[in-house]
C-alpha atoms as a PDB file:
ATOM      1  CA  UNK A   1       0.000   0.000   0.000  1.00  0.00           C
ATOM      2  CA  UNK A   2       2.917   2.343   0.741  1.00  0.00           C
ATOM      3  CA  UNK A   3       4.039   2.058  -2.839  1.00  0.00           C
ATOM      4  CA  UNK A   4       0.920   3.935  -3.891  1.00  0.00           C
ATOM      5  CA  UNK A   5       2.280   7.094  -2.230  1.00  0.00           C
ATOM      6  CA  UNK A   6       5.600   7.023  -4.085  1.00  0.00           C
ATOM      7  CA  UNK A   7       5.661   9.791  -6.724  1.00  0.00           C
ATOM      8  CA  UNK A   8       5.619   8.434 -10.243  1.00  0.00           C
ATOM      9  CA  UNK A   9       8.633   9.060 -12.407  1.00  0.00           C
ATOM     10  CA  UNK A  10       8.753   9.908 -16.092  1.00  0.00           C
ATOM     11  CA  UNK A  11       6.981  12.459 -18.225  1.00  0.00           C
ATOM     12  CA  UNK A  12       3.735  12.270 -16.245  1.00  0.00           C
ATOM     13  CA  UNK A  13       5.322  13.631 -13.039  1.00  0.00           C
ATOM     14  CA  UNK A  14       5.803  17.200 -11.866  1.00  0.00           C
ATOM     15  CA  UNK A  15       3.900  20.211 -13.258  1.00  0.00           C
ATOM     16  CA  UNK A  16       2.862  18.319 -16.371  1.00  0.00           C
ATOM     17  CA  UNK A  17       0.951  15.824 -14.261  1.00  0.00           C
ATOM     18  CA  UNK A  18      -0.787  18.607 -12.379  1.00  0.00           C
ATOM     19  CA  UNK A  19      -1.710  20.281 -15.667  1.00  0.00           C
ATOM     20  CA  UNK A  20      -3.030  17.055 -17.165  1.00  0.00           C
ATOM     21  CA  UNK A  21      -5.036  16.203 -14.057  1.00  0.00           C
ATOM     22  CA  UNK A  22      -6.634  19.656 -14.094  1.00  0.00           C
ATOM     23  CA  UNK A  23      -8.140  19.087 -17.545  1.00  0.00           C
ATOM     24  CA  UNK A  24     -11.775  17.921 -17.338  1.00  0.00           C
ATOM     25  CA  UNK A  25     -12.278  14.348 -18.482  1.00  0.00           C
ATOM     26  CA  UNK A  26     -14.657  15.270 -21.335  1.00  0.00           C
ATOM     27  CA  UNK A  27     -12.138  17.825 -22.660  1.00  0.00           C
ATOM     28  CA  UNK A  28      -9.277  15.325 -22.490  1.00  0.00           C
ATOM     29  CA  UNK A  29     -11.355  12.704 -24.297  1.00  0.00           C
ATOM     30  CA  UNK A  30     -12.242  15.112 -27.071  1.00  0.00           C
ATOM     31  CA  UNK A  31      -8.641  16.217 -27.457  1.00  0.00           C
ATOM     32  CA  UNK A  32      -7.604  12.588 -27.863  1.00  0.00           C
ATOM     33  CA  UNK A  33     -10.341  12.107 -30.439  1.00  0.00           C
ATOM     34  CA  UNK A  34      -9.224  15.283 -32.224  1.00  0.00           C
ATOM     35  CA  UNK A  35      -5.695  13.901 -32.546  1.00  0.00           C
ATOM     36  CA  UNK A  36      -6.978  10.774 -34.289  1.00  0.00           C
ATOM     37  CA  UNK A  37     -10.069  11.760 -36.295  1.00  0.00           C
ATOM     38  CA  UNK A  38     -11.694   9.084 -38.434  1.00  0.00           C
ATOM     39  CA  UNK A  39     -10.480   9.146 -42.021  1.00  0.00           C
ATOM     40  CA  UNK A  40     -13.733   9.045 -43.944  1.00  0.00           C
ATOM     41  CA  UNK A  41     -14.056  10.217 -47.555  1.00  0.00           C
ATOM     42  CA  UNK A  42     -17.623  11.297 -48.218  1.00  0.00           C
ATOM     43  CA  UNK A  43     -19.097  11.471 -51.736  1.00  0.00           C
ATOM     44  CA  UNK A  44     -18.290  14.625 -53.700  1.00  0.00           C
ATOM     45  CA  UNK A  45     -21.947  15.519 -54.268  1.00  0.00           C
ATOM     46  CA  UNK A  46     -23.027  15.681 -50.606  1.00  0.00           C
ATOM     47  CA  UNK A  47     -22.617  19.460 -50.417  1.00  0.00           C
ATOM     48  CA  UNK A  48     -24.723  20.086 -53.522  1.00  0.00           C
ATOM     49  CA  UNK A  49     -27.431  17.733 -52.322  1.00  0.00           C
ATOM     50  CA  UNK A  50     -27.593  19.291 -48.843  1.00  0.00           C
ATOM     51  CA  UNK A  51     -27.634  22.817 -50.297  1.00  0.00           C
ATOM     52  CA  UNK A  52     -30.454  21.866 -52.675  1.00  0.00           C
ATOM     53  CA  UNK A  53     -32.521  20.546 -49.782  1.00  0.00           C
ATOM     54  CA  UNK A  54     -31.829  23.768 -47.885  1.00  0.00           C
ATOM     55  CA  UNK A  55     -32.934  25.806 -50.915  1.00  0.00           C
ATOM     56  CA  UNK A  56     -36.292  24.020 -50.895  1.00  0.00           C
ATOM     57  CA  UNK A  57     -36.791  25.170 -47.303  1.00  0.00           C
ATOM     58  CA  UNK A  58     -35.548  28.756 -47.613  1.00  0.00           C
ATOM     59  CA  UNK A  59     -36.572  29.639 -51.194  1.00  0.00           C
ATOM     60  CA  UNK A  60     -39.912  31.265 -50.205  1.00  0.00           C
ATOM     61  CA  UNK A  61     -38.096  33.476 -47.671  1.00  0.00           C
ATOM     62  CA  UNK A  62     -35.426  34.496 -50.162  1.00  0.00           C
ATOM     63  CA  UNK A  63     -37.998  35.141 -52.873  1.00  0.00           C
ATOM     64  CA  UNK A  64     -40.183  37.232 -50.562  1.00  0.00           C
ATOM     65  CA  UNK A  65     -37.268  39.414 -49.469  1.00  0.00           C
ATOM     66  CA  UNK A  66     -36.131  40.121 -53.006  1.00  0.00           C
ATOM     67  CA  UNK A  67     -39.666  40.609 -54.286  1.00  0.00           C
ATOM     68  CA  UNK A  68     -40.396  43.114 -51.497  1.00  0.00           C
ATOM     69  CA  UNK A  69     -37.512  45.317 -52.638  1.00  0.00           C
ATOM     70  CA  UNK A  70     -38.537  45.050 -56.294  1.00  0.00           C
ATOM     71  CA  UNK A  71     -42.183  45.885 -55.636  1.00  0.00           C
ATOM     72  CA  UNK A  72     -41.306  48.834 -53.410  1.00  0.00           C
ATOM     73  CA  UNK A  73     -39.195  50.270 -56.228  1.00  0.00           C
ATOM     74  CA  UNK A  74     -42.207  50.183 -58.549  1.00  0.00           C
ATOM     75  CA  UNK A  75     -44.603  52.330 -56.533  1.00  0.00           C
ATOM     76  CA  UNK A  76     -45.853  53.595 -53.165  1.00  0.00           C
ATOM     77  CA  UNK A  77     -48.753  51.134 -53.098  1.00  0.00           C
ATOM     78  CA  UNK A  78     -46.398  48.156 -52.913  1.00  0.00           C
ATOM     79  CA  UNK A  79     -46.281  45.903 -49.802  1.00  0.00           C
ATOM     80  CA  UNK A  80     -44.303  47.432 -46.952  1.00  0.00           C
ATOM     81  CA  UNK A  81     -43.209  44.179 -45.336  1.00  0.00           C
ATOM     82  CA  UNK A  82     -42.280  40.609 -46.194  1.00  0.00           C
ATOM     83  CA  UNK A  83     -45.577  39.307 -44.819  1.00  0.00           C
ATOM     84  CA  UNK A  84     -47.399  41.722 -47.117  1.00  0.00           C
ATOM     85  CA  UNK A  85     -45.328  40.485 -50.037  1.00  0.00           C
ATOM     86  CA  UNK A  86     -46.162  36.875 -49.191  1.00  0.00           C
ATOM     87  CA  UNK A  87     -49.877  37.688 -49.181  1.00  0.00           C
ATOM     88  CA  UNK A  88     -49.457  39.556 -52.477  1.00  0.00           C
ATOM     89  CA  UNK A  89     -47.755  36.521 -54.036  1.00  0.00           C
ATOM     90  CA  UNK A  90     -50.401  34.125 -52.700  1.00  0.00           C
ATOM     91  CA  UNK A  91     -53.240  36.277 -54.059  1.00  0.00           C
ATOM     92  CA  UNK A  92     -51.689  36.831 -57.480  1.00  0.00           C
ATOM     93  CA  UNK A  93     -49.889  33.529 -58.117  1.00  0.00           C
ATOM     94  CA  UNK A  94     -51.223  31.060 -55.548  1.00  0.00           C
ATOM     95  CA  UNK A  95     -49.133  28.884 -53.185  1.00  0.00           C
ATOM     96  CA  UNK A  96     -46.847  27.752 -56.001  1.00  0.00           C
ATOM     97  CA  UNK A  97     -45.876  31.384 -56.514  1.00  0.00           C
ATOM     98  CA  UNK A  98     -43.690  31.123 -53.388  1.00  0.00           C
ATOM     99  CA  UNK A  99     -41.537  28.672 -55.333  1.00  0.00           C
ATOM    100  CA  UNK A 100     -41.234  30.758 -58.466  1.00  0.00           C
ATOM    101  CA  UNK A 101     -37.794  30.129 -59.957  1.00  0.00           C
ATOM    102  CA  UNK A 102     -37.069  27.127 -57.743  1.00  0.00           C
ATOM    103  CA  UNK A 103     -35.693  25.131 -60.693  1.00  0.00           C
ATOM    104  CA  UNK A 104     -32.992  27.760 -61.272  1.00  0.00           C
ATOM    105  CA  UNK A 105     -32.237  27.868 -57.539  1.00  0.00           C
ATOM    106  CA  UNK A 106     -31.794  24.095 -57.458  1.00  0.00           C
ATOM    107  CA  UNK A 107     -29.646  24.170 -60.603  1.00  0.00           C
ATOM    108  CA  UNK A 108     -27.462  26.798 -58.950  1.00  0.00           C
ATOM    109  CA  UNK A 109     -26.970  24.689 -55.832  1.00  0.00           C
ATOM    110  CA  UNK A 110     -26.286  21.540 -57.853  1.00  0.00           C
ATOM    111  CA  UNK A 111     -23.487  23.343 -59.708  1.00  0.00           C
ATOM    112  CA  UNK A 112     -22.151  26.054 -57.416  1.00  0.00           C
ATOM    113  CA  UNK A 113     -22.450  24.230 -54.093  1.00  0.00           C
ATOM    114  CA  UNK A 114     -21.428  20.832 -55.422  1.00  0.00           C
ATOM    115  CA  UNK A 115     -18.170  22.276 -56.716  1.00  0.00           C
ATOM    116  CA  UNK A 116     -17.347  24.461 -53.710  1.00  0.00           C
ATOM    117  CA  UNK A 117     -18.135  21.779 -51.108  1.00  0.00           C
ATOM    118  CA  UNK A 118     -16.531  19.003 -53.126  1.00  0.00           C
ATOM    119  CA  UNK A 119     -13.289  20.868 -53.831  1.00  0.00           C
ATOM    120  CA  UNK A 120     -13.075  22.148 -50.254  1.00  0.00           C
ATOM    121  CA  UNK A 121     -13.515  18.691 -48.708  1.00  0.00           C
ATOM    122  CA  UNK A 122     -10.956  17.202 -51.092  1.00  0.00           C
ATOM    123  CA  UNK A 123      -8.395  19.920 -50.340  1.00  0.00           C
ATOM    124  CA  UNK A 124      -9.062  19.552 -46.620  1.00  0.00           C
ATOM    125  CA  UNK A 125      -8.539  15.787 -46.776  1.00  0.00           C
ATOM    126  CA  UNK A 126      -5.278  16.194 -48.695  1.00  0.00           C
ATOM    127  CA  UNK A 127      -4.038  18.831 -46.250  1.00  0.00           C
ATOM    128  CA  UNK A 128      -4.608  16.810 -43.092  1.00  0.00           C
ATOM    129  CA  UNK A 129      -1.277  16.632 -41.317  1.00  0.00           C
ATOM    130  CA  UNK A 130       0.569  13.444 -40.333  1.00  0.00           C
ATOM    131  CA  UNK A 131      -1.051  11.874 -37.311  1.00  0.00           C
ATOM    132  CA  UNK A 132      -4.498  13.088 -38.307  1.00  0.00           C
ATOM    133  CA  UNK A 133      -4.093  16.699 -37.114  1.00  0.00           C
ATOM    134  CA  UNK A 134      -6.612  18.878 -39.017  1.00  0.00           C
ATOM    135  CA  UNK A 135      -5.510  21.920 -41.054  1.00  0.00           C
ATOM    136  CA  UNK A 136      -5.132  25.300 -39.351  1.00  0.00           C
ATOM    137  CA  UNK A 137      -7.800  27.987 -39.514  1.00  0.00           C
ATOM    138  CA  UNK A 138      -5.728  30.012 -42.002  1.00  0.00           C
ATOM    139  CA  UNK A 139      -5.353  26.995 -44.274  1.00  0.00           C
ATOM    140  CA  UNK A 140      -9.075  26.283 -44.103  1.00  0.00           C
ATOM    141  CA  UNK A 141      -9.862  29.902 -45.010  1.00  0.00           C
ATOM    142  CA  UNK A 142      -7.579  29.816 -48.053  1.00  0.00           C
ATOM    143  CA  UNK A 143      -8.950  26.468 -49.239  1.00  0.00           C
ATOM    144  CA  UNK A 144     -12.542  27.589 -48.736  1.00  0.00           C
ATOM    145  CA  UNK A 145     -11.988  30.882 -50.590  1.00  0.00           C
ATOM    146  CA  UNK A 146     -10.437  29.097 -53.562  1.00  0.00           C
ATOM    147  CA  UNK A 147     -13.209  26.506 -53.595  1.00  0.00           C
ATOM    148  CA  UNK A 148     -15.844  29.226 -53.438  1.00  0.00           C
ATOM    149  CA  UNK A 149     -14.313  31.069 -56.389  1.00  0.00           C
ATOM    150  CA  UNK A 150     -14.374  27.901 -58.504  1.00  0.00           C
ATOM    151  CA  UNK A 151     -17.928  27.175 -57.373  1.00  0.00           C
ATOM    152  CA  UNK A 152     -19.045  30.687 -58.273  1.00  0.00           C
ATOM    153  CA  UNK A 153     -17.555  30.279 -61.734  1.00  0.00           C
ATOM    154  CA  UNK A 154     -19.164  26.874 -62.255  1.00  0.00           C
ATOM    155  CA  UNK A 155     -22.595  28.068 -61.121  1.00  0.00           C
ATOM    156  CA  UNK A 156     -22.537  31.557 -62.645  1.00  0.00           C
ATOM    157  CA  UNK A 157     -24.997  30.743 -65.443  1.00  0.00           C
ATOM    158  CA  UNK A 158     -27.430  29.239 -62.950  1.00  0.00           C
ATOM    159  CA  UNK A 159     -27.101  32.314 -60.727  1.00  0.00           C
ATOM    160  CA  UNK A 160     -28.021  34.571 -63.653  1.00  0.00           C
ATOM    161  CA  UNK A 161     -31.060  32.396 -64.352  1.00  0.00           C
ATOM    162  CA  UNK A 162     -31.993  32.358 -60.677  1.00  0.00           C
ATOM    163  CA  UNK A 163     -31.947  36.155 -60.417  1.00  0.00           C
ATOM    164  CA  UNK A 164     -33.949  36.573 -63.605  1.00  0.00           C
ATOM    165  CA  UNK A 165     -36.608  34.029 -62.718  1.00  0.00           C
ATOM    166  CA  UNK A 166     -37.068  35.350 -59.170  1.00  0.00           C
ATOM    167  CA  UNK A 167     -37.404  38.935 -60.379  1.00  0.00           C
ATOM    168  CA  UNK A 168     -39.524  38.188 -63.443  1.00  0.00           C
ATOM    169  CA  UNK A 169     -42.910  38.459 -61.753  1.00  0.00           C
ATOM    170  CA  UNK A 170     -41.982  41.840 -60.250  1.00  0.00           C
ATOM    171  CA  UNK A 171     -41.331  43.322 -63.710  1.00  0.00           C
ATOM    172  CA  UNK A 172     -43.932  44.860 -66.021  1.00  0.00           C
ATOM    173  CA  UNK A 173     -45.453  42.201 -68.332  1.00  0.00           C
ATOM    174  CA  UNK A 174     -43.687  43.659 -71.364  1.00  0.00           C
ATOM    175  CA  UNK A 175     -40.264  43.196 -69.764  1.00  0.00           C
ATOM    176  CA  UNK A 176     -40.706  39.645 -68.476  1.00  0.00           C
ATOM    177  CA  UNK A 177     -38.676  36.841 -69.998  1.00  0.00           C
ATOM    178  CA  UNK A 178     -41.172  34.158 -68.934  1.00  0.00           C
ATOM    179  CA  UNK A 179     -38.724  31.267 -68.732  1.00  0.00           C
ATOM    180  CA  UNK A 180     -40.718  28.061 -68.247  1.00  0.00           C
ATOM    181  CA  UNK A 181     -37.988  26.524 -66.103  1.00  0.00           C
ATOM    182  CA  UNK A 182     -34.213  26.609 -65.690  1.00  0.00           C
ATOM    183  CA  UNK A 183     -33.437  24.433 -68.724  1.00  0.00           C
ATOM    184  CA  UNK A 184     -35.714  26.532 -70.940  1.00  0.00           C
ATOM    185  CA  UNK A 185     -34.007  29.655 -69.615  1.00  0.00           C
ATOM    186  CA  UNK A 186     -30.562  28.174 -70.247  1.00  0.00           C
ATOM    187  CA  UNK A 187     -31.425  27.271 -73.849  1.00  0.00           C
ATOM    188  CA  UNK A 188     -32.985  30.651 -74.567  1.00  0.00           C
ATOM    189  CA  UNK A 189     -30.209  32.626 -72.891  1.00  0.00           C
ATOM    190  CA  UNK A 190     -27.573  30.736 -74.878  1.00  0.00           C
ATOM    191  CA  UNK A 191     -29.479  31.171 -78.153  1.00  0.00           C
ATOM    192  CA  UNK A 192     -30.339  34.851 -77.658  1.00  0.00           C
ATOM    193  CA  UNK A 193     -27.198  36.122 -75.920  1.00  0.00           C
ATOM    194  CA  UNK A 194     -24.515  33.656 -76.891  1.00  0.00           C
ATOM    195  CA  UNK A 195     -22.052  31.891 -74.616  1.00  0.00           C
ATOM    196  CA  UNK A 196     -20.980  35.213 -73.106  1.00  0.00           C
ATOM    197  CA  UNK A 197     -24.393  35.486 -71.438  1.00  0.00           C
ATOM    198  CA  UNK A 198     -23.568  32.445 -69.319  1.00  0.00           C
ATOM    199  CA  UNK A 199     -20.640  34.301 -67.736  1.00  0.00           C
ATOM    200  CA  UNK A 200     -22.320  37.654 -67.214  1.00  0.00           C
ATOM    201  CA  UNK A 201     -20.908  39.178 -64.020  1.00  0.00           C
ATOM    202  CA  UNK A 202     -18.719  36.145 -63.313  1.00  0.00           C
ATOM    203  CA  UNK A 203     -15.903  38.071 -61.584  1.00  0.00           C
ATOM    204  CA  UNK A 204     -17.925  39.861 -58.866  1.00  0.00           C
ATOM    205  CA  UNK A 205     -20.097  36.779 -58.455  1.00  0.00           C
ATOM    206  CA  UNK A 206     -17.113  34.453 -58.000  1.00  0.00           C
ATOM    207  CA  UNK A 207     -15.352  36.928 -55.713  1.00  0.00           C
ATOM    208  CA  UNK A 208     -18.407  37.137 -53.470  1.00  0.00           C
ATOM    209  CA  UNK A 209     -18.689  33.336 -53.528  1.00  0.00           C
ATOM    210  CA  UNK A 210     -15.061  33.092 -52.376  1.00  0.00           C
ATOM    211  CA  UNK A 211     -15.665  35.381 -49.399  1.00  0.00           C
ATOM    212  CA  UNK A 212     -18.949  33.733 -48.464  1.00  0.00           C
ATOM    213  CA  UNK A 213     -17.544  30.204 -48.708  1.00  0.00           C
ATOM    214  CA  UNK A 214     -14.614  31.162 -46.503  1.00  0.00           C
ATOM    215  CA  UNK A 215     -17.075  32.595 -43.989  1.00  0.00           C
ATOM    216  CA  UNK A 216     -19.351  29.560 -44.158  1.00  0.00           C
ATOM    217  CA  UNK A 217     -17.313  26.384 -44.618  1.00  0.00           C
ATOM    218  CA  UNK A 218     -14.090  27.258 -42.808  1.00  0.00           C
ATOM    219  CA  UNK A 219     -15.852  28.899 -39.877  1.00  0.00           C
ATOM    220  CA  UNK A 220     -18.285  25.981 -39.546  1.00  0.00           C
ATOM    221  CA  UNK A 221     -15.398  23.528 -39.264  1.00  0.00           C
ATOM    222  CA  UNK A 222     -13.649  25.710 -36.697  1.00  0.00           C
ATOM    223  CA  UNK A 223     -16.761  26.345 -34.593  1.00  0.00           C
ATOM    224  CA  UNK A 224     -17.667  22.671 -34.657  1.00  0.00           C
ATOM    225  CA  UNK A 225     -14.139  21.700 -33.667  1.00  0.00           C
ATOM    226  CA  UNK A 226     -14.198  24.142 -30.741  1.00  0.00           C
ATOM    227  CA  UNK A 227     -17.602  22.950 -29.548  1.00  0.00           C
ATOM    228  CA  UNK A 228     -16.548  19.300 -29.655  1.00  0.00           C
ATOM    229  CA  UNK A 229     -13.223  19.989 -27.938  1.00  0.00           C
ATOM    230  CA  UNK A 230     -14.094  22.463 -25.200  1.00  0.00           C
ATOM    231  CA  UNK A 231     -17.736  21.746 -24.350  1.00  0.00           C
ATOM    232  CA  UNK A 232     -19.608  18.644 -23.221  1.00  0.00           C
ATOM    233  CA  UNK A 233     -21.479  18.626 -26.544  1.00  0.00           C
ATOM    234  CA  UNK A 234     -21.061  15.626 -28.799  1.00  0.00           C
ATOM    235  CA  UNK A 235     -21.501  15.232 -32.541  1.00  0.00           C
ATOM    236  CA  UNK A 236     -25.229  15.908 -32.294  1.00  0.00           C
ATOM    237  CA  UNK A 237     -27.884  18.119 -33.840  1.00  0.00           C
ATOM    238  CA  UNK A 238     -27.313  20.730 -31.109  1.00  0.00           C
ATOM    239  CA  UNK A 239     -23.661  21.033 -32.097  1.00  0.00           C
ATOM    240  CA  UNK A 240     -24.468  21.158 -35.806  1.00  0.00           C
ATOM    241  CA  UNK A 241     -27.124  23.826 -35.291  1.00  0.00           C
ATOM    242  CA  UNK A 242     -24.891  25.934 -33.047  1.00  0.00           C
ATOM    243  CA  UNK A 243     -21.870  25.756 -35.356  1.00  0.00           C
ATOM    244  CA  UNK A 244     -23.959  26.492 -38.466  1.00  0.00           C
ATOM    245  CA  UNK A 245     -25.670  29.437 -36.754  1.00  0.00           C
ATOM    246  CA  UNK A 246     -22.279  30.930 -35.911  1.00  0.00           C
ATOM    247  CA  UNK A 247     -21.083  30.206 -39.457  1.00  0.00           C
ATOM    248  CA  UNK A 248     -24.128  32.062 -40.789  1.00  0.00           C
ATOM    249  CA  UNK A 249     -23.219  35.072 -38.655  1.00  0.00           C
ATOM    250  CA  UNK A 250     -19.650  34.957 -39.968  1.00  0.00           C
ATOM    251  CA  UNK A 251     -20.755  34.657 -43.600  1.00  0.00           C
ATOM    252  CA  UNK A 252     -23.270  37.510 -43.311  1.00  0.00           C
ATOM    253  CA  UNK A 253     -20.657  39.747 -41.673  1.00  0.00           C
ATOM    254  CA  UNK A 254     -18.041  38.935 -44.324  1.00  0.00           C
ATOM    255  CA  UNK A 255     -20.333  39.503 -47.315  1.00  0.00           C
ATOM    256  CA  UNK A 256     -22.298  42.514 -46.040  1.00  0.00           C
ATOM    257  CA  UNK A 257     -19.738  45.141 -47.209  1.00  0.00           C
ATOM    258  CA  UNK A 258     -19.530  43.453 -50.622  1.00  0.00           C
ATOM    259  CA  UNK A 259     -23.314  43.525 -50.980  1.00  0.00           C
ATOM    260  CA  UNK A 260     -23.395  47.233 -50.082  1.00  0.00           C
ATOM    261  CA  UNK A 261     -20.746  48.069 -52.682  1.00  0.00           C
ATOM    262  CA  UNK A 262     -22.392  45.880 -55.320  1.00  0.00           C
ATOM    263  CA  UNK A 263     -25.767  47.557 -54.744  1.00  0.00           C
ATOM    264  CA  UNK A 264     -24.253  51.046 -54.955  1.00  0.00           C
ATOM    265  CA  UNK A 265     -22.350  50.177 -58.138  1.00  0.00           C
ATOM    266  CA  UNK A 266     -25.452  48.766 -59.797  1.00  0.00           C
ATOM    267  CA  UNK A 267     -27.626  51.734 -58.807  1.00  0.00           C
ATOM    268  CA  UNK A 268     -25.055  54.457 -59.528  1.00  0.00           C
ATOM    269  CA  UNK A 269     -25.341  56.527 -62.727  1.00  0.00           C
ATOM    270  CA  UNK A 270     -21.748  57.778 -62.480  1.00  0.00           C
ATOM    271  CA  UNK A 271     -18.618  56.043 -63.696  1.00  0.00           C
ATOM    272  CA  UNK A 272     -16.537  56.345 -60.529  1.00  0.00           C
ATOM    273  CA  UNK A 273     -14.127  53.593 -59.568  1.00  0.00           C
ATOM    274  CA  UNK A 274     -14.668  51.235 -56.657  1.00  0.00           C
ATOM    275  CA  UNK A 275     -12.268  53.073 -54.334  1.00  0.00           C
ATOM    276  CA  UNK A 276     -13.910  56.425 -55.103  1.00  0.00           C
ATOM    277  CA  UNK A 277     -17.302  54.887 -54.448  1.00  0.00           C
ATOM    278  CA  UNK A 278     -16.153  53.451 -51.120  1.00  0.00           C
ATOM    279  CA  UNK A 279     -14.878  56.904 -50.180  1.00  0.00           C
ATOM    280  CA  UNK A 280     -18.282  58.422 -50.979  1.00  0.00           C
ATOM    281  CA  UNK A 281     -20.044  55.776 -48.898  1.00  0.00           C
ATOM    282  CA  UNK A 282     -17.673  56.366 -45.964  1.00  0.00           C
ATOM    283  CA  UNK A 283     -18.200  60.124 -46.065  1.00  0.00           C
ATOM    284  CA  UNK A 284     -21.974  59.667 -46.143  1.00  0.00           C
ATOM    285  CA  UNK A 285     -22.420  56.824 -43.618  1.00  0.00           C
ATOM    286  CA  UNK A 286     -19.163  56.620 -41.658  1.00  0.00           C
ATOM    287  CA  UNK A 287     -17.617  53.328 -40.558  1.00  0.00           C
ATOM    288  CA  UNK A 288     -21.114  51.897 -40.066  1.00  0.00           C
ATOM    289  CA  UNK A 289     -21.499  51.461 -43.830  1.00  0.00           C
ATOM    290  CA  UNK A 290     -19.702  48.123 -43.472  1.00  0.00           C
ATOM    291  CA  UNK A 291     -22.689  46.706 -41.582  1.00  0.00           C
ATOM    292  CA  UNK A 292     -25.411  48.529 -43.457  1.00  0.00           C
ATOM    293  CA  UNK A 293     -27.852  45.893 -44.653  1.00  0.00           C
ATOM    294  CA  UNK A 294     -26.397  43.269 -42.317  1.00  0.00           C
ATOM    295  CA  UNK A 295     -29.813  42.173 -41.003  1.00  0.00           C
ATOM    296  CA  UNK A 296     -31.348  41.340 -44.405  1.00  0.00           C
ATOM    297  CA  UNK A 297     -28.052  39.711 -45.362  1.00  0.00           C
ATOM    298  CA  UNK A 298     -28.222  37.418 -42.332  1.00  0.00           C
ATOM    299  CA  UNK A 299     -31.925  36.703 -42.909  1.00  0.00           C
ATOM    300  CA  UNK A 300     -30.949  35.380 -46.330  1.00  0.00           C
ATOM    301  CA  UNK A 301     -27.759  33.555 -45.389  1.00  0.00           C
ATOM    302  CA  UNK A 302     -28.477  32.444 -41.819  1.00  0.00           C
ATOM    303  CA  UNK A 303     -31.393  30.040 -42.362  1.00  0.00           C
ATOM    304  CA  UNK A 304     -29.847  28.632 -45.539  1.00  0.00           C
ATOM    305  CA  UNK A 305     -26.501  28.056 -43.811  1.00  0.00           C
ATOM    306  CA  UNK A 306     -28.141  26.314 -40.869  1.00  0.00           C
ATOM    307  CA  UNK A 307     -30.277  24.081 -43.094  1.00  0.00           C
ATOM    308  CA  UNK A 308     -27.339  23.263 -45.371  1.00  0.00           C
ATOM    309  CA  UNK A 309     -25.049  22.016 -42.608  1.00  0.00           C
ATOM    310  CA  UNK A 310     -27.803  20.206 -40.727  1.00  0.00           C
ATOM    311  CA  UNK A 311     -28.724  18.354 -43.926  1.00  0.00           C
ATOM    312  CA  UNK A 312     -25.039  17.764 -44.702  1.00  0.00           C
ATOM    313  CA  UNK A 313     -24.463  16.154 -41.306  1.00  0.00           C
ATOM    314  CA  UNK A 314     -27.536  13.987 -41.911  1.00  0.00           C
ATOM    315  CA  UNK A 315     -25.974  12.867 -45.193  1.00  0.00           C
ATOM    316  CA  UNK A 316     -22.748  12.003 -43.389  1.00  0.00           C
ATOM    317  CA  UNK A 317     -24.503  10.134 -40.587  1.00  0.00           C
ATOM    318  CA  UNK A 318     -26.547   8.096 -43.069  1.00  0.00           C
ATOM    319  CA  UNK A 319     -23.397   7.310 -45.082  1.00  0.00           C
ATOM    320  CA  UNK A 320     -21.536   6.082 -42.003  1.00  0.00           C
ATOM    321  CA  UNK A 321     -24.514   3.972 -41.016  1.00  0.00           C
ATOM    322  CA  UNK A 322     -24.847   2.413 -44.470  1.00  0.00           C
ATOM    323  CA  UNK A 323     -21.102   1.763 -44.752  1.00  0.00           C
ATOM    324  CA  UNK A 324     -20.982   0.584 -41.134  1.00  0.00           C
ATOM    325  CA  UNK A 325     -18.224   3.044 -40.290  1.00  0.00           C
ATOM    326  CA  UNK A 326     -17.397   4.015 -36.726  1.00  0.00           C
ATOM    327  CA  UNK A 327     -16.600   7.451 -35.391  1.00  0.00           C
ATOM    328  CA  UNK A 328     -17.866  10.969 -35.833  1.00  0.00           C
ATOM    329  CA  UNK A 329     -17.569  13.047 -38.949  1.00  0.00           C
ATOM    330  CA  UNK A 330     -14.132  14.596 -39.414  1.00  0.00           C
ATOM    331  CA  UNK A 331     -13.605  18.290 -38.798  1.00  0.00           C
END
């Protein structure tokens, strides 16, 4: 029994032992799991599929927000709120009117999101360090930004169609394009405008996609990693919801200044450069211009980000169950 009171020798003794013993058991367990994450390669298309499912949930919200702005620009008798816009759509187009342009939205997610998620996950898997240590936050940001740029380029034509189909009903009848669905719009746009029409606005669109993807995908991985490591939460719906909510906040904050500049550029009648325009905005609104429009930006991005990652984790869980794989999804 006396031998139990003899101090242990080796690396576990001294201050290191005190430090190790002071770490809560659930934190220590998660740190051990972090050092040896399961090496699971998920199908490339999971991101596009999850994003498409999220689009089906959030499309009416996104449509109502954009339609409200368009209708208010047409006259003072337009709906003053999103709920008023929803009622206007239901009265004029019926329940299916809330899903106007859904085919283009789904086509966009199946191209844009499939590429950005697929490339990001592949780069992340290739960058995992020896011993299973995940990439650093900086590395994740760079990989996500590059993946987002490629995704924006791949889905640019679908984004053009999506914007046109969502805004069509808010235009005067003489100006409507009346695409039957996304494929009809793609064929007509190619025939009437040539191949250049497919890449209309590709640079600002891809640049915004790079920033948003860095804010969404990289931050989600980091927030999820932190929650699993430093809280009692496991790989559950609560963790997925919390991490995706925080990722939505990050994405909205990162893209808000870009949206403000893009809106001012599109509405301006002068030919000033971007830097001159930013200077004008700063003089008019001060530093707060960076967050002007943040709330509507989050209302668009937040719910879609949450739904996307919740559905993505469901995909991963189902895949592990079908393949009979053990362990949680990798960070």
